[in-house]
């Protein structure tokens, strides 16, 4: 009886060592998220890539990037990655606006890409519905002019490229959420023909190819901001401007609407 008791004690001690060793290994060498069934940018939380443009021309600030900088690092449990984008065409030597965004998409693997820019005509947050295949001849921050007319470079690369790429965020719900937060917001169907439209169209094309066959396509959208009170003039001298805090409030509400929609479709 004494020998059997001794053997049983050895077994218990051995079992204790195995359990403790497994616990230590789990802490020191955690299982990669992919093996644990949770891929990057997915699961109960996600990643939003929020972009805004650098100041353009003689402007010292660009409200689109000022808003992005003031966003919380986390909204509703989702990580917010913030990115400043150059005001450059895709054919500008060096880093273009489109490449800056697509490189960040590959780096951060977001669930959502929410881009933004400024527009002197608007008196509230304009939630853009689409980007179109057109460019002005206006020069960018590097002094390079747009092609004018259609984006011939993309059509040469892919003759099957669509004339329009529609944003895939829940735009109507974003407008409603911002308005409910006390911020002026509306849907817009014409983002112009400068760099803002350029990134909506080009990033839309890029994601349409990237999302093919993807079980979890990346959503993308665009918000145009009005001018800040500190900015002089604007296209409409009497246009109503908006405080930075109010813009941030509207953006947060819009992002919460995006997250709510994304999490609903996941279930």
C-alpha atoms as a PDB file:
ATOM      1  CA  UNK A   1       0.000   0.000   0.000  1.00  0.00           C
ATOM      2  CA  UNK A   2       2.835   2.329   0.845  1.00  0.00           C
ATOM      3  CA  UNK A   3       4.497   1.694  -2.557  1.00  0.00           C
ATOM      4  CA  UNK A   4       1.260   2.360  -4.435  1.00  0.00           C
ATOM      5  CA  UNK A   5       0.770   5.634  -2.566  1.00  0.00           C
ATOM      6  CA  UNK A   6       4.300   6.670  -3.457  1.00  0.00           C
ATOM      7  CA  UNK A   7       3.737   5.918  -7.152  1.00  0.00           C
ATOM      8  CA  UNK A   8       0.496   7.918  -7.152  1.00  0.00           C
ATOM      9  CA  UNK A   9       2.318  10.893  -5.620  1.00  0.00           C
ATOM     10  CA  UNK A  10       4.970  10.766  -8.340  1.00  0.00           C
ATOM     11  CA  UNK A  11       2.262  10.815 -10.975  1.00  0.00           C
ATOM     12  CA  UNK A  12       0.586  13.810  -9.377  1.00  0.00           C
ATOM     13  CA  UNK A  13       3.885  15.657  -9.175  1.00  0.00           C
ATOM     14  CA  UNK A  14       4.665  14.858 -12.828  1.00  0.00           C
ATOM     15  CA  UNK A  15       1.208  16.093 -13.871  1.00  0.00           C
ATOM     16  CA  UNK A  16       1.737  19.302 -11.912  1.00  0.00           C
ATOM     17  CA  UNK A  17       5.042  19.930 -13.734  1.00  0.00           C
ATOM     18  CA  UNK A  18       3.400  19.369 -17.145  1.00  0.00           C
ATOM     19  CA  UNK A  19       0.566  21.823 -16.413  1.00  0.00           C
ATOM     20  CA  UNK A  20       2.921  24.496 -15.076  1.00  0.00           C
ATOM     21  CA  UNK A  21       5.275  24.110 -18.050  1.00  0.00           C
ATOM     22  CA  UNK A  22       2.373  24.526 -20.493  1.00  0.00           C
ATOM     23  CA  UNK A  23       1.240  27.681 -18.686  1.00  0.00           C
ATOM     24  CA  UNK A  24       4.724  29.200 -18.826  1.00  0.00           C
ATOM     25  CA  UNK A  25       5.086  28.383 -22.545  1.00  0.00           C
ATOM     26  CA  UNK A  26       1.681  29.966 -23.286  1.00  0.00           C
ATOM     27  CA  UNK A  27       2.751  33.219 -21.611  1.00  0.00           C
ATOM     28  CA  UNK A  28       6.273  33.411 -23.004  1.00  0.00           C
ATOM     29  CA  UNK A  29       5.421  32.084 -26.477  1.00  0.00           C
ATOM     30  CA  UNK A  30       1.813  33.090 -27.252  1.00  0.00           C
ATOM     31  CA  UNK A  31       0.068  31.357 -30.147  1.00  0.00           C
ATOM     32  CA  UNK A  32       0.084  33.562 -33.260  1.00  0.00           C
ATOM     33  CA  UNK A  33      -3.321  35.131 -33.925  1.00  0.00           C
ATOM     34  CA  UNK A  34      -3.646  33.363 -37.278  1.00  0.00           C
ATOM     35  CA  UNK A  35      -3.242  29.961 -35.587  1.00  0.00           C
ATOM     36  CA  UNK A  36      -5.621  30.947 -32.832  1.00  0.00           C
ATOM     37  CA  UNK A  37      -8.374  31.590 -35.383  1.00  0.00           C
ATOM     38  CA  UNK A  38      -8.158  35.366 -35.251  1.00  0.00           C
ATOM     39  CA  UNK A  39      -6.533  37.100 -38.212  1.00  0.00           C
ATOM     40  CA  UNK A  40      -5.077  40.609 -38.105  1.00  0.00           C
ATOM     41  CA  UNK A  41      -7.722  43.304 -38.323  1.00  0.00           C
ATOM     42  CA  UNK A  42     -10.571  40.868 -37.623  1.00  0.00           C
ATOM     43  CA  UNK A  43     -12.389  39.194 -34.764  1.00  0.00           C
ATOM     44  CA  UNK A  44     -14.184  41.218 -32.055  1.00  0.00           C
ATOM     45  CA  UNK A  45     -12.097  44.296 -32.887  1.00  0.00           C
ATOM     46  CA  UNK A  46     -10.836  45.743 -36.159  1.00  0.00           C
ATOM     47  CA  UNK A  47      -8.593  48.356 -37.729  1.00  0.00           C
ATOM     48  CA  UNK A  48      -9.605  51.615 -39.408  1.00  0.00           C
ATOM     49  CA  UNK A  49      -7.083  53.437 -41.583  1.00  0.00           C
ATOM     50  CA  UNK A  50      -8.015  57.136 -41.381  1.00  0.00           C
ATOM     51  CA  UNK A  51      -6.277  59.444 -43.859  1.00  0.00           C
ATOM     52  CA  UNK A  52      -6.137  63.212 -44.327  1.00  0.00           C
ATOM     53  CA  UNK A  53      -4.204  65.417 -46.719  1.00  0.00           C
ATOM     54  CA  UNK A  54      -1.240  67.659 -46.034  1.00  0.00           C
ATOM     55  CA  UNK A  55      -1.781  71.434 -46.410  1.00  0.00           C
ATOM     56  CA  UNK A  56      -2.284  72.442 -50.030  1.00  0.00           C
ATOM     57  CA  UNK A  57      -0.778  75.429 -51.809  1.00  0.00           C
ATOM     58  CA  UNK A  58      -0.574  78.459 -49.523  1.00  0.00           C
ATOM     59  CA  UNK A  59      -2.723  76.954 -46.773  1.00  0.00           C
ATOM     60  CA  UNK A  60      -0.876  76.342 -43.519  1.00  0.00           C
ATOM     61  CA  UNK A  61      -3.311  73.654 -42.378  1.00  0.00           C
ATOM     62  CA  UNK A  62      -5.600  71.101 -43.941  1.00  0.00           C
ATOM     63  CA  UNK A  63      -8.661  70.379 -41.789  1.00  0.00           C
ATOM     64  CA  UNK A  64      -8.884  66.824 -43.089  1.00  0.00           C
ATOM     65  CA  UNK A  65      -5.581  65.882 -41.474  1.00  0.00           C
ATOM     66  CA  UNK A  66      -6.219  68.021 -38.387  1.00  0.00           C
ATOM     67  CA  UNK A  67      -9.398  66.007 -37.783  1.00  0.00           C
ATOM     68  CA  UNK A  68      -7.603  62.693 -38.273  1.00  0.00           C
ATOM     69  CA  UNK A  69      -4.870  63.703 -35.811  1.00  0.00           C
ATOM     70  CA  UNK A  70      -7.466  64.463 -33.131  1.00  0.00           C
ATOM     71  CA  UNK A  71      -9.373  61.200 -33.490  1.00  0.00           C
ATOM     72  CA  UNK A  72      -9.013  58.784 -30.560  1.00  0.00           C
ATOM     73  CA  UNK A  73      -6.530  55.958 -31.050  1.00  0.00           C
ATOM     74  CA  UNK A  74      -9.397  53.557 -30.439  1.00  0.00           C
ATOM     75  CA  UNK A  75     -13.123  53.845 -31.182  1.00  0.00           C
ATOM     76  CA  UNK A  76     -15.603  51.197 -30.007  1.00  0.00           C
ATOM     77  CA  UNK A  77     -12.712  48.789 -29.497  1.00  0.00           C
ATOM     78  CA  UNK A  78     -11.347  49.345 -33.018  1.00  0.00           C
ATOM     79  CA  UNK A  79      -7.808  50.610 -33.562  1.00  0.00           C
ATOM     80  CA  UNK A  80      -7.523  53.861 -35.533  1.00  0.00           C
ATOM     81  CA  UNK A  81      -4.388  54.177 -37.667  1.00  0.00           C
ATOM     82  CA  UNK A  82      -3.767  57.797 -38.754  1.00  0.00           C
ATOM     83  CA  UNK A  83      -2.039  58.756 -41.991  1.00  0.00           C
ATOM     84  CA  UNK A  84      -1.085  62.044 -43.652  1.00  0.00           C
ATOM     85  CA  UNK A  85      -1.285  61.898 -47.450  1.00  0.00           C
ATOM     86  CA  UNK A  86       0.632  64.108 -49.904  1.00  0.00           C
ATOM     87  CA  UNK A  87      -1.348  66.268 -52.343  1.00  0.00           C
ATOM     88  CA  UNK A  88       0.148  64.635 -55.436  1.00  0.00           C
ATOM     89  CA  UNK A  89      -1.059  62.924 -58.583  1.00  0.00           C
ATOM     90  CA  UNK A  90      -0.156  59.286 -59.233  1.00  0.00           C
ATOM     91  CA  UNK A  91       2.262  60.313 -62.010  1.00  0.00           C
ATOM     92  CA  UNK A  92       4.252  62.647 -59.739  1.00  0.00           C
ATOM     93  CA  UNK A  93       7.814  61.468 -59.158  1.00  0.00           C
ATOM     94  CA  UNK A  94       8.367  60.279 -55.620  1.00  0.00           C
ATOM     95  CA  UNK A  95       5.521  59.235 -53.367  1.00  0.00           C
ATOM     96  CA  UNK A  96       2.042  59.781 -54.784  1.00  0.00           C
ATOM     97  CA  UNK A  97      -1.171  60.150 -52.822  1.00  0.00           C
ATOM     98  CA  UNK A  98      -2.541  56.827 -54.067  1.00  0.00           C
ATOM     99  CA  UNK A  99       0.648  54.863 -53.376  1.00  0.00           C
ATOM    100  CA  UNK A 100       0.867  56.327 -49.865  1.00  0.00           C
ATOM    101  CA  UNK A 101      -2.598  54.953 -49.115  1.00  0.00           C
ATOM    102  CA  UNK A 102      -2.212  51.575 -50.827  1.00  0.00           C
ATOM    103  CA  UNK A 103       1.150  50.992 -49.136  1.00  0.00           C
ATOM    104  CA  UNK A 104      -0.504  51.691 -45.773  1.00  0.00           C
ATOM    105  CA  UNK A 105      -3.301  49.248 -46.626  1.00  0.00           C
ATOM    106  CA  UNK A 106      -0.744  46.513 -47.196  1.00  0.00           C
ATOM    107  CA  UNK A 107       1.132  47.445 -44.038  1.00  0.00           C
ATOM    108  CA  UNK A 108      -1.779  47.704 -41.602  1.00  0.00           C
ATOM    109  CA  UNK A 109      -4.331  45.364 -43.246  1.00  0.00           C
ATOM    110  CA  UNK A 110      -7.331  47.467 -42.131  1.00  0.00           C
ATOM    111  CA  UNK A 111     -10.966  46.457 -42.203  1.00  0.00           C
ATOM    112  CA  UNK A 112     -11.940  49.979 -43.247  1.00  0.00           C
ATOM    113  CA  UNK A 113     -10.186  52.794 -45.116  1.00  0.00           C
ATOM    114  CA  UNK A 114     -11.731  56.198 -44.380  1.00  0.00           C
ATOM    115  CA  UNK A 115     -10.124  58.956 -46.446  1.00  0.00           C
ATOM    116  CA  UNK A 116     -10.807  62.671 -46.206  1.00  0.00           C
ATOM    117  CA  UNK A 117      -9.998  66.027 -47.757  1.00  0.00           C
ATOM    118  CA  UNK A 118     -11.074  69.673 -47.609  1.00  0.00           C
ATOM    119  CA  UNK A 119     -13.568  71.436 -49.873  1.00  0.00           C
ATOM    120  CA  UNK A 120     -14.190  75.182 -49.839  1.00  0.00           C
ATOM    121  CA  UNK A 121     -17.728  74.887 -51.240  1.00  0.00           C
ATOM    122  CA  UNK A 122     -19.159  72.782 -48.435  1.00  0.00           C
ATOM    123  CA  UNK A 123     -20.748  73.975 -45.204  1.00  0.00           C
ATOM    124  CA  UNK A 124     -20.873  70.565 -43.530  1.00  0.00           C
ATOM    125  CA  UNK A 125     -19.305  67.120 -43.721  1.00  0.00           C
ATOM    126  CA  UNK A 126     -19.836  65.717 -47.220  1.00  0.00           C
ATOM    127  CA  UNK A 127     -19.975  61.919 -47.318  1.00  0.00           C
ATOM    128  CA  UNK A 128     -18.825  61.065 -50.823  1.00  0.00           C
ATOM    129  CA  UNK A 129     -20.662  58.338 -52.720  1.00  0.00           C
ATOM    130  CA  UNK A 130     -18.201  57.814 -55.572  1.00  0.00           C
ATOM    131  CA  UNK A 131     -15.012  58.693 -57.421  1.00  0.00           C
ATOM    132  CA  UNK A 132     -15.011  59.157 -61.198  1.00  0.00           C
ATOM    133  CA  UNK A 133     -12.468  58.700 -63.965  1.00  0.00           C
ATOM    134  CA  UNK A 134     -11.534  62.318 -64.536  1.00  0.00           C
ATOM    135  CA  UNK A 135      -8.657  64.634 -63.687  1.00  0.00           C
ATOM    136  CA  UNK A 136      -8.286  68.391 -63.823  1.00  0.00           C
ATOM    137  CA  UNK A 137      -5.125  70.028 -65.142  1.00  0.00           C
ATOM    138  CA  UNK A 138      -4.558  71.699 -61.788  1.00  0.00           C
ATOM    139  CA  UNK A 139      -1.053  71.361 -60.364  1.00  0.00           C
ATOM    140  CA  UNK A 140      -0.342  69.379 -57.211  1.00  0.00           C
ATOM    141  CA  UNK A 141       1.996  70.328 -54.366  1.00  0.00           C
ATOM    142  CA  UNK A 142       4.976  69.209 -56.433  1.00  0.00           C
ATOM    143  CA  UNK A 143       4.030  71.457 -59.326  1.00  0.00           C
ATOM    144  CA  UNK A 144       2.868  68.555 -61.511  1.00  0.00           C
ATOM    145  CA  UNK A 145      -0.335  69.124 -63.475  1.00  0.00           C
ATOM    146  CA  UNK A 146      -3.146  66.620 -63.761  1.00  0.00           C
ATOM    147  CA  UNK A 147      -3.654  64.895 -67.092  1.00  0.00           C
ATOM    148  CA  UNK A 148      -6.948  66.602 -67.813  1.00  0.00           C
ATOM    149  CA  UNK A 149      -9.918  64.516 -68.881  1.00  0.00           C
ATOM    150  CA  UNK A 150      -9.803  60.783 -68.272  1.00  0.00           C
ATOM    151  CA  UNK A 151      -7.222  58.868 -66.248  1.00  0.00           C
ATOM    152  CA  UNK A 152      -5.549  57.541 -69.385  1.00  0.00           C
ATOM    153  CA  UNK A 153      -2.722  55.874 -67.458  1.00  0.00           C
ATOM    154  CA  UNK A 154      -5.151  53.595 -65.633  1.00  0.00           C
ATOM    155  CA  UNK A 155      -7.108  52.839 -68.800  1.00  0.00           C
ATOM    156  CA  UNK A 156      -3.870  51.864 -70.516  1.00  0.00           C
ATOM    157  CA  UNK A 157      -3.019  49.619 -67.573  1.00  0.00           C
ATOM    158  CA  UNK A 158      -6.525  48.155 -67.443  1.00  0.00           C
ATOM    159  CA  UNK A 159      -8.927  48.985 -70.330  1.00  0.00           C
ATOM    160  CA  UNK A 160     -11.679  47.330 -68.288  1.00  0.00           C
ATOM    161  CA  UNK A 161     -11.457  49.861 -65.450  1.00  0.00           C
ATOM    162  CA  UNK A 162     -14.868  51.256 -64.545  1.00  0.00           C
ATOM    163  CA  UNK A 163     -15.829  54.873 -65.156  1.00  0.00           C
ATOM    164  CA  UNK A 164     -16.995  55.143 -61.532  1.00  0.00           C
ATOM    165  CA  UNK A 165     -16.008  53.413 -58.285  1.00  0.00           C
ATOM    166  CA  UNK A 166     -18.565  53.745 -55.511  1.00  0.00           C
ATOM    167  CA  UNK A 167     -17.531  53.964 -51.885  1.00  0.00           C
ATOM    168  CA  UNK A 168     -18.580  50.943 -49.836  1.00  0.00           C
ATOM    169  CA  UNK A 169     -19.028  52.419 -46.353  1.00  0.00           C
ATOM    170  CA  UNK A 170     -22.644  52.794 -45.058  1.00  0.00           C
ATOM    171  CA  UNK A 171     -22.866  56.392 -46.255  1.00  0.00           C
ATOM    172  CA  UNK A 172     -26.505  57.095 -45.375  1.00  0.00           C
ATOM    173  CA  UNK A 173     -25.988  55.785 -41.835  1.00  0.00           C
ATOM    174  CA  UNK A 174     -22.842  57.905 -41.495  1.00  0.00           C
ATOM    175  CA  UNK A 175     -24.796  61.034 -42.426  1.00  0.00           C
ATOM    176  CA  UNK A 176     -27.574  60.190 -39.973  1.00  0.00           C
ATOM    177  CA  UNK A 177     -25.077  59.456 -37.178  1.00  0.00           C
ATOM    178  CA  UNK A 178     -23.261  62.769 -37.690  1.00  0.00           C
ATOM    179  CA  UNK A 179     -26.538  64.707 -37.813  1.00  0.00           C
ATOM    180  CA  UNK A 180     -27.748  63.000 -34.641  1.00  0.00           C
ATOM    181  CA  UNK A 181     -24.524  64.162 -33.001  1.00  0.00           C
ATOM    182  CA  UNK A 182     -25.444  67.740 -33.915  1.00  0.00           C
ATOM    183  CA  UNK A 183     -23.053  68.047 -36.872  1.00  0.00           C
ATOM    184  CA  UNK A 184     -24.114  69.178 -40.341  1.00  0.00           C
ATOM    185  CA  UNK A 185     -23.596  66.331 -42.847  1.00  0.00           C
ATOM    186  CA  UNK A 186     -24.959  65.270 -46.231  1.00  0.00           C
ATOM    187  CA  UNK A 187     -24.419  62.831 -49.079  1.00  0.00           C
ATOM    188  CA  UNK A 188     -22.481  64.086 -52.090  1.00  0.00           C
ATOM    189  CA  UNK A 189     -22.205  62.664 -55.574  1.00  0.00           C
ATOM    190  CA  UNK A 190     -19.587  64.986 -57.046  1.00  0.00           C
ATOM    191  CA  UNK A 191     -16.160  65.091 -55.329  1.00  0.00           C
ATOM    192  CA  UNK A 192     -14.698  67.336 -58.026  1.00  0.00           C
ATOM    193  CA  UNK A 193     -11.808  66.436 -60.312  1.00  0.00           C
ATOM    194  CA  UNK A 194      -8.745  67.123 -58.178  1.00  0.00           C
ATOM    195  CA  UNK A 195      -6.698  64.873 -55.838  1.00  0.00           C
ATOM    196  CA  UNK A 196      -9.640  63.990 -53.567  1.00  0.00           C
ATOM    197  CA  UNK A 197     -11.587  62.496 -56.451  1.00  0.00           C
ATOM    198  CA  UNK A 198      -8.335  60.973 -57.691  1.00  0.00           C
ATOM    199  CA  UNK A 199      -7.779  58.927 -54.520  1.00  0.00           C
ATOM    200  CA  UNK A 200     -11.436  57.892 -54.259  1.00  0.00           C
ATOM    201  CA  UNK A 201     -11.307  56.592 -57.830  1.00  0.00           C
ATOM    202  CA  UNK A 202      -7.851  55.024 -57.740  1.00  0.00           C
ATOM    203  CA  UNK A 203      -8.175  53.445 -54.275  1.00  0.00           C
ATOM    204  CA  UNK A 204     -11.603  52.188 -55.302  1.00  0.00           C
ATOM    205  CA  UNK A 205     -10.016  50.531 -58.337  1.00  0.00           C
ATOM    206  CA  UNK A 206      -7.225  49.078 -56.204  1.00  0.00           C
ATOM    207  CA  UNK A 207      -9.601  47.620 -53.626  1.00  0.00           C
ATOM    208  CA  UNK A 208     -11.935  46.242 -56.287  1.00  0.00           C
ATOM    209  CA  UNK A 209      -9.021  44.086 -57.482  1.00  0.00           C
ATOM    210  CA  UNK A 210      -7.707  43.310 -54.010  1.00  0.00           C
ATOM    211  CA  UNK A 211     -11.104  42.325 -52.647  1.00  0.00           C
ATOM    212  CA  UNK A 212     -11.784  39.792 -55.408  1.00  0.00           C
ATOM    213  CA  UNK A 213     -12.100  36.378 -53.805  1.00  0.00           C
ATOM    214  CA  UNK A 214     -11.619  37.869 -50.346  1.00  0.00           C
ATOM    215  CA  UNK A 215     -13.915  36.561 -47.651  1.00  0.00           C
ATOM    216  CA  UNK A 216     -13.690  39.888 -45.806  1.00  0.00           C
ATOM    217  CA  UNK A 217     -13.445  42.754 -48.303  1.00  0.00           C
ATOM    218  CA  UNK A 218     -12.047  46.073 -47.101  1.00  0.00           C
ATOM    219  CA  UNK A 219     -14.659  48.834 -46.882  1.00  0.00           C
ATOM    220  CA  UNK A 220     -13.672  52.295 -48.035  1.00  0.00           C
ATOM    221  CA  UNK A 221     -15.174  55.755 -47.861  1.00  0.00           C
ATOM    222  CA  UNK A 222     -14.393  59.449 -48.076  1.00  0.00           C
ATOM    223  CA  UNK A 223     -15.441  62.558 -46.132  1.00  0.00           C
ATOM    224  CA  UNK A 224     -14.969  66.125 -47.359  1.00  0.00           C
ATOM    225  CA  UNK A 225     -14.605  68.748 -44.618  1.00  0.00           C
ATOM    226  CA  UNK A 226     -15.500  72.440 -44.803  1.00  0.00           C
ATOM    227  CA  UNK A 227     -12.879  75.044 -43.916  1.00  0.00           C
ATOM    228  CA  UNK A 228     -11.762  75.784 -40.371  1.00  0.00           C
ATOM    229  CA  UNK A 229     -12.620  79.207 -38.889  1.00  0.00           C
ATOM    230  CA  UNK A 230      -8.892  80.032 -38.920  1.00  0.00           C
ATOM    231  CA  UNK A 231      -8.639  79.494 -42.688  1.00  0.00           C
ATOM    232  CA  UNK A 232      -9.074  82.605 -44.826  1.00  0.00           C
ATOM    233  CA  UNK A 233     -11.536  82.756 -47.698  1.00  0.00           C
ATOM    234  CA  UNK A 234     -12.469  79.561 -49.425  1.00  0.00           C
ATOM    235  CA  UNK A 235     -14.215  79.130 -52.754  1.00  0.00           C
ATOM    236  CA  UNK A 236     -17.320  80.667 -51.203  1.00  0.00           C
ATOM    237  CA  UNK A 237     -16.224  83.677 -49.098  1.00  0.00           C
ATOM    238  CA  UNK A 238     -19.456  83.553 -47.081  1.00  0.00           C
ATOM    239  CA  UNK A 239     -19.469  79.787 -46.663  1.00  0.00           C
ATOM    240  CA  UNK A 240     -20.184  78.565 -43.170  1.00  0.00           C
ATOM    241  CA  UNK A 241     -17.036  77.180 -41.585  1.00  0.00           C
ATOM    242  CA  UNK A 242     -16.838  74.536 -38.883  1.00  0.00           C
ATOM    243  CA  UNK A 243     -14.786  74.211 -35.724  1.00  0.00           C
ATOM    244  CA  UNK A 244     -12.273  71.415 -35.471  1.00  0.00           C
ATOM    245  CA  UNK A 245     -13.952  69.954 -32.386  1.00  0.00           C
ATOM    246  CA  UNK A 246     -17.266  69.761 -34.227  1.00  0.00           C
ATOM    247  CA  UNK A 247     -15.646  68.067 -37.209  1.00  0.00           C
ATOM    248  CA  UNK A 248     -14.042  65.497 -34.907  1.00  0.00           C
ATOM    249  CA  UNK A 249     -17.406  64.873 -33.245  1.00  0.00           C
ATOM    250  CA  UNK A 250     -18.994  64.238 -36.651  1.00  0.00           C
ATOM    251  CA  UNK A 251     -16.166  61.943 -37.737  1.00  0.00           C
ATOM    252  CA  UNK A 252     -16.394  59.877 -34.567  1.00  0.00           C
ATOM    253  CA  UNK A 253     -20.143  59.460 -35.028  1.00  0.00           C
ATOM    254  CA  UNK A 254     -19.638  58.448 -38.663  1.00  0.00           C
ATOM    255  CA  UNK A 255     -16.937  55.945 -37.698  1.00  0.00           C
ATOM    256  CA  UNK A 256     -19.179  54.455 -35.021  1.00  0.00           C
ATOM    257  CA  UNK A 257     -21.831  53.940 -37.722  1.00  0.00           C
ATOM    258  CA  UNK A 258     -19.262  52.176 -39.915  1.00  0.00           C
ATOM    259  CA  UNK A 259     -18.187  49.918 -37.046  1.00  0.00           C
ATOM    260  CA  UNK A 260     -21.781  49.059 -36.164  1.00  0.00           C
ATOM    261  CA  UNK A 261     -22.497  48.082 -39.769  1.00  0.00           C
ATOM    262  CA  UNK A 262     -19.249  46.105 -40.106  1.00  0.00           C
ATOM    263  CA  UNK A 263     -19.832  44.156 -36.902  1.00  0.00           C
ATOM    264  CA  UNK A 264     -23.435  43.407 -37.896  1.00  0.00           C
ATOM    265  CA  UNK A 265     -22.385  41.956 -41.250  1.00  0.00           C
ATOM    266  CA  UNK A 266     -19.747  39.793 -39.542  1.00  0.00           C
ATOM    267  CA  UNK A 267     -22.316  37.870 -37.528  1.00  0.00           C
END
